[in-house]
């Protein structure tokens, strides 16, 4: 959840002075101007979503009783 919230809050910093100098003065929150987002940002977001789904799925089966086979 922390990685997902970090990816969601990351664009809020695009209105800083450093980003405006690098990506033109037209950059603002959620508008990057002339710069582009790299593939690592998308992979991080997808990984966070997959981790949440996998952990939720595993938690659903964690409390189920297992069958006891007589040997």
PDB file of N, CA and C in Angstrom:
ATOM      1  N   UNK A   1       0.827  -1.195   0.000  1.00  0.00           N
ATOM      2  CA  UNK A   1       0.000   0.000   0.000  1.00  0.00           C
ATOM      3  C   UNK A   1       0.869   1.257   0.000  1.00  0.00           C
ATOM      4  N   UNK A   2       2.029   1.167   0.667  1.00  0.00           N
ATOM      5  CA  UNK A   2       2.906   2.339   0.701  1.00  0.00           C
ATOM      6  C   UNK A   2       3.504   2.641  -0.666  1.00  0.00           C
ATOM      7  N   UNK A   3       3.864   1.614  -1.406  1.00  0.00           N
ATOM      8  CA  UNK A   3       4.423   1.840  -2.747  1.00  0.00           C
ATOM      9  C   UNK A   3       3.353   2.421  -3.667  1.00  0.00           C
ATOM     10  N   UNK A   4       2.144   1.894  -3.578  1.00  0.00           N
ATOM     11  CA  UNK A   4       1.046   2.419  -4.396  1.00  0.00           C
ATOM     12  C   UNK A   4       0.715   3.862  -4.079  1.00  0.00           C
ATOM     13  N   UNK A   5       0.711   4.197  -2.791  1.00  0.00           N
ATOM     14  CA  UNK A   5       0.436   5.592  -2.431  1.00  0.00           C
ATOM     15  C   UNK A   5       1.595   6.505  -2.840  1.00  0.00           C
ATOM     16  N   UNK A   6       2.810   5.980  -2.806  1.00  0.00           N
ATOM     17  CA  UNK A   6       3.954   6.776  -3.281  1.00  0.00           C
ATOM     18  C   UNK A   6       3.862   7.065  -4.770  1.00  0.00           C
ATOM     19  N   UNK A   7       3.424   6.070  -5.543  1.00  0.00           N
ATOM     20  CA  UNK A   7       3.228   6.292  -6.984  1.00  0.00           C
ATOM     21  C   UNK A   7       2.096   7.270  -7.252  1.00  0.00           C
ATOM     22  N   UNK A   8       1.069   7.232  -6.414  1.00  0.00           N
ATOM     23  CA  UNK A   8      -0.049   8.154  -6.610  1.00  0.00           C
ATOM     24  C   UNK A   8       0.326   9.584  -6.229  1.00  0.00           C
ATOM     25  N   UNK A   9       1.183   9.748  -5.231  1.00  0.00           N
ATOM     26  CA  UNK A   9       1.567  11.088  -4.774  1.00  0.00           C
ATOM     27  C   UNK A   9       2.773  11.667  -5.515  1.00  0.00           C
ATOM     28  N   UNK A  10       3.474  10.856  -6.262  1.00  0.00           N
ATOM     29  CA  UNK A  10       4.671  11.299  -6.983  1.00  0.00           C
ATOM     30  C   UNK A  10       4.419  12.506  -7.895  1.00  0.00           C
ATOM     31  N   UNK A  11       3.327  12.552  -8.663  1.00  0.00           N
ATOM     32  CA  UNK A  11       3.107  13.709  -9.540  1.00  0.00           C
ATOM     33  C   UNK A  11       2.862  15.020  -8.813  1.00  0.00           C
ATOM     34  N   UNK A  12       2.604  14.997  -7.528  1.00  0.00           N
ATOM     35  CA  UNK A  12       2.388  16.256  -6.805  1.00  0.00           C
ATOM     36  C   UNK A  12       3.659  17.104  -6.746  1.00  0.00           C
ATOM     37  N   UNK A  13       4.811  16.500  -6.922  1.00  0.00           N
ATOM     38  CA  UNK A  13       6.065  17.236  -6.876  1.00  0.00           C
ATOM     39  C   UNK A  13       6.500  17.827  -8.197  1.00  0.00           C
ATOM     40  N   UNK A  14       5.700  17.661  -9.234  1.00  0.00           N
ATOM     41  CA  UNK A  14       6.102  18.159 -10.546  1.00  0.00           C
ATOM     42  C   UNK A  14       6.009  19.668 -10.680  1.00  0.00           C
ATOM     43  N   UNK A  15       5.464  20.374  -9.701  1.00  0.00           N
ATOM     44  CA  UNK A  15       5.416  21.831  -9.793  1.00  0.00           C
ATOM     45  C   UNK A  15       6.591  22.478  -9.059  1.00  0.00           C
ATOM     46  N   UNK A  16       7.598  21.679  -8.684  1.00  0.00           N
ATOM     47  CA  UNK A  16       8.765  22.241  -7.999  1.00  0.00           C
ATOM     48  C   UNK A  16       9.640  23.005  -8.990  1.00  0.00           C
ATOM     49  N   UNK A  17      10.517  23.811  -8.447  1.00  0.00           N
ATOM     50  CA  UNK A  17      11.377  24.674  -9.284  1.00  0.00           C
ATOM     51  C   UNK A  17      12.333  23.845 -10.146  1.00  0.00           C
ATOM     52  N   UNK A  18      12.863  22.748  -9.600  1.00  0.00           N
ATOM     53  CA  UNK A  18      13.804  21.916 -10.355  1.00  0.00           C
ATOM     54  C   UNK A  18      13.144  21.269 -11.570  1.00  0.00           C
ATOM     55  N   UNK A  19      11.922  20.808 -11.390  1.00  0.00           N
ATOM     56  CA  UNK A  19      11.202  20.181 -12.506  1.00  0.00           C
ATOM     57  C   UNK A  19      10.829  21.230 -13.537  1.00  0.00           C
ATOM     58  N   UNK A  20      10.445  22.408 -13.097  1.00  0.00           N
ATOM     59  CA  UNK A  20      10.115  23.481 -14.056  1.00  0.00           C
ATOM     60  C   UNK A  20      11.334  23.895 -14.875  1.00  0.00           C
ATOM     61  N   UNK A  21      12.509  23.901 -14.278  1.00  0.00           N
ATOM     62  CA  UNK A  21      13.716  24.253 -15.020  1.00  0.00           C
ATOM     63  C   UNK A  21      14.070  23.173 -16.033  1.00  0.00           C
ATOM     64  N   UNK A  22      13.830  21.922 -15.679  1.00  0.00           N
ATOM     65  CA  UNK A  22      14.216  20.819 -16.555  1.00  0.00           C
ATOM     66  C   UNK A  22      13.182  20.561 -17.639  1.00  0.00           C
ATOM     67  N   UNK A  23      11.903  20.609 -17.305  1.00  0.00           N
ATOM     68  CA  UNK A  23      10.836  20.188 -18.222  1.00  0.00           C
ATOM     69  C   UNK A  23      10.044  21.352 -18.792  1.00  0.00           C
ATOM     70  N   UNK A  24      10.539  22.518 -18.785  1.00  0.00           N
ATOM     71  CA  UNK A  24       9.909  23.757 -19.266  1.00  0.00           C
ATOM     72  C   UNK A  24       9.041  24.353 -18.173  1.00  0.00           C
ATOM     73  N   UNK A  25       8.736  25.596 -18.322  1.00  0.00           N
ATOM     74  CA  UNK A  25       7.951  26.299 -17.304  1.00  0.00           C
ATOM     75  C   UNK A  25       6.473  25.931 -17.333  1.00  0.00           C
ATOM     76  N   UNK A  26       6.072  25.094 -18.255  1.00  0.00           N
ATOM     77  CA  UNK A  26       4.655  24.729 -18.335  1.00  0.00           C
ATOM     78  C   UNK A  26       4.299  23.539 -17.442  1.00  0.00           C
ATOM     79  N   UNK A  27       5.274  22.975 -16.734  1.00  0.00           N
ATOM     80  CA  UNK A  27       4.963  21.827 -15.873  1.00  0.00           C
ATOM     81  C   UNK A  27       4.216  22.286 -14.626  1.00  0.00           C
ATOM     82  N   UNK A  28       3.300  21.440 -14.193  1.00  0.00           N
ATOM     83  CA  UNK A  28       2.469  21.720 -13.028  1.00  0.00           C
ATOM     84  C   UNK A  28       2.119  20.381 -12.399  1.00  0.00           C
ATOM     85  N   UNK A  29       1.365  20.391 -11.317  1.00  0.00           N
ATOM     86  CA  UNK A  29       0.955  19.136 -10.709  1.00  0.00           C
ATOM     87  C   UNK A  29       0.168  18.316 -11.721  1.00  0.00           C
ATOM     88  N   UNK A  30       0.539  17.038 -11.864  1.00  0.00           N
ATOM     89  CA  UNK A  30      -0.071  16.090 -12.792  1.00  0.00           C
ATOM     90  C   UNK A  30       0.057  16.515 -14.249  1.00  0.00           C
ATOM     91  N   UNK A  31       0.904  17.478 -14.572  1.00  0.00           N
ATOM     92  CA  UNK A  31       1.204  17.876 -15.952  1.00  0.00           C
ATOM     93  C   UNK A  31       2.707  18.071 -16.038  1.00  0.00           C
ATOM     94  N   UNK A  32       3.398  17.150 -16.704  1.00  0.00           N
ATOM     95  CA  UNK A  32       4.855  17.137 -16.689  1.00  0.00           C
ATOM     96  C   UNK A  32       5.475  18.071 -17.713  1.00  0.00           C
ATOM     97  N   UNK A  33       4.712  18.691 -18.543  1.00  0.00           N
ATOM     98  CA  UNK A  33       5.260  19.607 -19.533  1.00  0.00           C
ATOM     99  C   UNK A  33       5.892  18.849 -20.683  1.00  0.00           C
ATOM    100  N   UNK A  34       7.153  19.148 -20.999  1.00  0.00           N
ATOM    101  CA  UNK A  34       7.803  18.516 -22.140  1.00  0.00           C
ATOM    102  C   UNK A  34       8.534  17.227 -21.773  1.00  0.00           C
ATOM    103  N   UNK A  35       8.558  16.834 -20.521  1.00  0.00           N
ATOM    104  CA  UNK A  35       9.225  15.593 -20.098  1.00  0.00           C
ATOM    105  C   UNK A  35       8.269  14.407 -20.205  1.00  0.00           C
ATOM    106  N   UNK A  36       8.829  13.207 -20.107  1.00  0.00           N
ATOM    107  CA  UNK A  36       8.034  11.984 -20.166  1.00  0.00           C
ATOM    108  C   UNK A  36       8.321  11.128 -18.939  1.00  0.00           C
ATOM    109  N   UNK A  37       7.360  10.280 -18.593  1.00  0.00           N
ATOM    110  CA  UNK A  37       7.537   9.337 -17.490  1.00  0.00           C
ATOM    111  C   UNK A  37       8.197   8.084 -18.042  1.00  0.00           C
ATOM    112  N   UNK A  38       9.168   7.560 -17.334  1.00  0.00           N
ATOM    113  CA  UNK A  38       9.865   6.362 -17.779  1.00  0.00           C
ATOM    114  C   UNK A  38       9.106   5.092 -17.458  1.00  0.00           C
ATOM    115  N   UNK A  39       9.612   3.980 -17.967  1.00  0.00           N
ATOM    116  CA  UNK A  39       8.942   2.697 -17.786  1.00  0.00           C
ATOM    117  C   UNK A  39       9.022   2.205 -16.347  1.00  0.00           C
ATOM    118  N   UNK A  40       9.987   2.666 -15.576  1.00  0.00           N
ATOM    119  CA  UNK A  40      10.133   2.209 -14.195  1.00  0.00           C
ATOM    120  C   UNK A  40       8.950   2.652 -13.328  1.00  0.00           C
ATOM    121  N   UNK A  41       8.410   3.813 -13.593  1.00  0.00           N
ATOM    122  CA  UNK A  41       7.243   4.293 -12.845  1.00  0.00           C
ATOM    123  C   UNK A  41       6.047   3.381 -13.075  1.00  0.00           C
ATOM    124  N   UNK A  42       5.815   3.006 -14.319  1.00  0.00           N
ATOM    125  CA  UNK A  42       4.693   2.128 -14.635  1.00  0.00           C
ATOM    126  C   UNK A  42       4.910   0.728 -14.072  1.00  0.00           C
ATOM    127  N   UNK A  43       6.141   0.227 -14.128  1.00  0.00           N
ATOM    128  CA  UNK A  43       6.437  -1.094 -13.564  1.00  0.00           C
ATOM    129  C   UNK A  43       6.254  -1.095 -12.052  1.00  0.00           C
ATOM    130  N   UNK A  44       6.626  -0.019 -11.396  1.00  0.00           N
ATOM    131  CA  UNK A  44       6.443   0.070  -9.954  1.00  0.00           C
ATOM    132  C   UNK A  44       4.960   0.072  -9.593  1.00  0.00           C
ATOM    133  N   UNK A  45       4.167   0.825 -10.320  1.00  0.00           N
ATOM    134  CA  UNK A  45       2.728   0.846 -10.065  1.00  0.00           C
ATOM    135  C   UNK A  45       2.081  -0.506 -10.324  1.00  0.00           C
ATOM    136  N   UNK A  46       2.478  -1.164 -11.416  1.00  0.00           N
ATOM    137  CA  UNK A  46       1.922  -2.485 -11.721  1.00  0.00           C
ATOM    138  C   UNK A  46       2.357  -3.506 -10.675  1.00  0.00           C
ATOM    139  N   UNK A  47       3.586  -3.413 -10.225  1.00  0.00           N
ATOM    140  CA  UNK A  47       4.063  -4.325  -9.190  1.00  0.00           C
ATOM    141  C   UNK A  47       3.326  -4.130  -7.879  1.00  0.00           C
ATOM    142  N   UNK A  48       3.011  -2.903  -7.542  1.00  0.00           N
ATOM    143  CA  UNK A  48       2.256  -2.635  -6.312  1.00  0.00           C
ATOM    144  C   UNK A  48       0.847  -3.208  -6.403  1.00  0.00           C
ATOM    145  N   UNK A  49       0.224  -3.072  -7.560  1.00  0.00           N
ATOM    146  CA  UNK A  49      -1.122  -3.619  -7.744  1.00  0.00           C
ATOM    147  C   UNK A  49      -1.086  -5.141  -7.689  1.00  0.00           C
ATOM    148  N   UNK A  50      -0.109  -5.755  -8.363  1.00  0.00           N
ATOM    149  CA  UNK A  50       0.002  -7.209  -8.344  1.00  0.00           C
ATOM    150  C   UNK A  50       0.298  -7.737  -6.947  1.00  0.00           C
ATOM    151  N   UNK A  51       1.127  -7.039  -6.197  1.00  0.00           N
ATOM    152  CA  UNK A  51       1.433  -7.467  -4.833  1.00  0.00           C
ATOM    153  C   UNK A  51       0.194  -7.399  -3.950  1.00  0.00           C
ATOM    154  N   UNK A  52      -0.599  -6.356  -4.099  1.00  0.00           N
ATOM    155  CA  UNK A  52      -1.828  -6.253  -3.316  1.00  0.00           C
ATOM    156  C   UNK A  52      -2.809  -7.372  -3.664  1.00  0.00           C
ATOM    157  N   UNK A  53      -2.948  -7.670  -4.958  1.00  0.00           N
ATOM    158  CA  UNK A  53      -3.851  -8.736  -5.362  1.00  0.00           C
ATOM    159  C   UNK A  53      -3.370 -10.095  -4.878  1.00  0.00           C
ATOM    160  N   UNK A  54      -2.070 -10.350  -4.996  1.00  0.00           N
ATOM    161  CA  UNK A  54      -1.510 -11.622  -4.565  1.00  0.00           C
ATOM    162  C   UNK A  54      -1.630 -11.808  -3.058  1.00  0.00           C
ATOM    163  N   UNK A  55      -1.335 -10.772  -2.299  1.00  0.00           N
ATOM    164  CA  UNK A  55      -1.438 -10.862  -0.841  1.00  0.00           C
ATOM    165  C   UNK A  55      -2.886 -11.050  -0.401  1.00  0.00           C
ATOM    166  N   UNK A  56      -3.810 -10.391  -1.070  1.00  0.00           N
ATOM    167  CA  UNK A  56      -5.224 -10.564  -0.740  1.00  0.00           C
ATOM    168  C   UNK A  56      -5.678 -11.979  -1.065  1.00  0.00           C
ATOM    169  N   UNK A  57      -5.273 -12.500  -2.201  1.00  0.00           N
ATOM    170  CA  UNK A  57      -5.638 -13.850  -2.606  1.00  0.00           C
ATOM    171  C   UNK A  57      -5.063 -14.885  -1.644  1.00  0.00           C
ATOM    172  N   UNK A  58      -3.818 -14.716  -1.236  1.00  0.00           N
ATOM    173  CA  UNK A  58      -3.201 -15.658  -0.304  1.00  0.00           C
ATOM    174  C   UNK A  58      -3.839 -15.567   1.073  1.00  0.00           C
ATOM    175  N   UNK A  59      -4.254 -14.394   1.495  1.00  0.00           N
ATOM    176  CA  UNK A  59      -4.896 -14.241   2.792  1.00  0.00           C
ATOM    177  C   UNK A  59      -6.271 -14.906   2.814  1.00  0.00           C
ATOM    178  N   UNK A  60      -6.934 -14.961   1.669  1.00  0.00           N
ATOM    179  CA  UNK A  60      -8.241 -15.625   1.609  1.00  0.00           C
ATOM    180  C   UNK A  60      -8.119 -17.118   1.863  1.00  0.00           C
ATOM    181  N   UNK A  61      -7.035 -17.727   1.431  1.00  0.00           N
ATOM    182  CA  UNK A  61      -6.849 -19.164   1.591  1.00  0.00           C
ATOM    183  C   UNK A  61      -6.068 -19.533   2.847  1.00  0.00           C
ATOM    184  N   UNK A  62      -5.582 -18.575   3.586  1.00  0.00           N
ATOM    185  CA  UNK A  62      -4.744 -18.871   4.751  1.00  0.00           C
ATOM    186  C   UNK A  62      -5.546 -19.503   5.882  1.00  0.00           C
ATOM    187  N   UNK A  63      -6.800 -19.164   6.040  1.00  0.00           N
ATOM    188  CA  UNK A  63      -7.583 -19.666   7.151  1.00  0.00           C
ATOM    189  C   UNK A  63      -8.365 -20.929   6.851  1.00  0.00           C
ATOM    190  N   UNK A  64      -8.315 -21.433   5.622  1.00  0.00           N
ATOM    191  CA  UNK A  64      -9.084 -22.616   5.269  1.00  0.00           C
ATOM    192  C   UNK A  64      -8.430 -23.863   5.838  1.00  0.00           C
ATOM    193  N   UNK A  65      -9.272 -24.806   6.236  1.00  0.00           N
ATOM    194  CA  UNK A  65      -8.760 -26.072   6.745  1.00  0.00           C
ATOM    195  C   UNK A  65      -8.238 -26.917   5.601  1.00  0.00           C
ATOM    196  N   UNK A  66      -7.160 -27.581   5.862  1.00  0.00           N
ATOM    197  CA  UNK A  66      -6.614 -28.488   4.873  1.00  0.00           C
ATOM    198  C   UNK A  66      -7.160 -29.885   5.125  1.00  0.00           C
ATOM    199  N   UNK A  67      -7.275 -30.647   4.076  1.00  0.00           N
ATOM    200  CA  UNK A  67      -7.749 -32.018   4.222  1.00  0.00           C
ATOM    201  C   UNK A  67      -6.652 -32.866   4.841  1.00  0.00           C
ATOM    202  N   UNK A  68      -7.046 -33.720   5.774  1.00  0.00           N
ATOM    203  CA  UNK A  68      -6.092 -34.615   6.399  1.00  0.00           C
ATOM    204  C   UNK A  68      -6.221 -35.990   5.748  1.00  0.00           C
ATOM    205  N   UNK A  69      -5.169 -36.418   5.141  1.00  0.00           N
ATOM    206  CA  UNK A  69      -5.163 -37.725   4.470  1.00  0.00           C
ATOM    207  C   UNK A  69      -4.576 -38.768   5.418  1.00  0.00           C
ATOM    208  N   UNK A  70      -5.275 -39.861   5.626  1.00  0.00           N
ATOM    209  CA  UNK A  70      -4.706 -40.925   6.465  1.00  0.00           C
ATOM    210  C   UNK A  70      -3.636 -41.670   5.679  1.00  0.00           C
ATOM    211  N   UNK A  71      -2.529 -41.888   6.268  1.00  0.00           N
ATOM    212  CA  UNK A  71      -1.417 -42.570   5.612  1.00  0.00           C
ATOM    213  C   UNK A  71      -1.224 -43.923   6.176  1.00  0.00           C
TER     214      UNK A  71
END
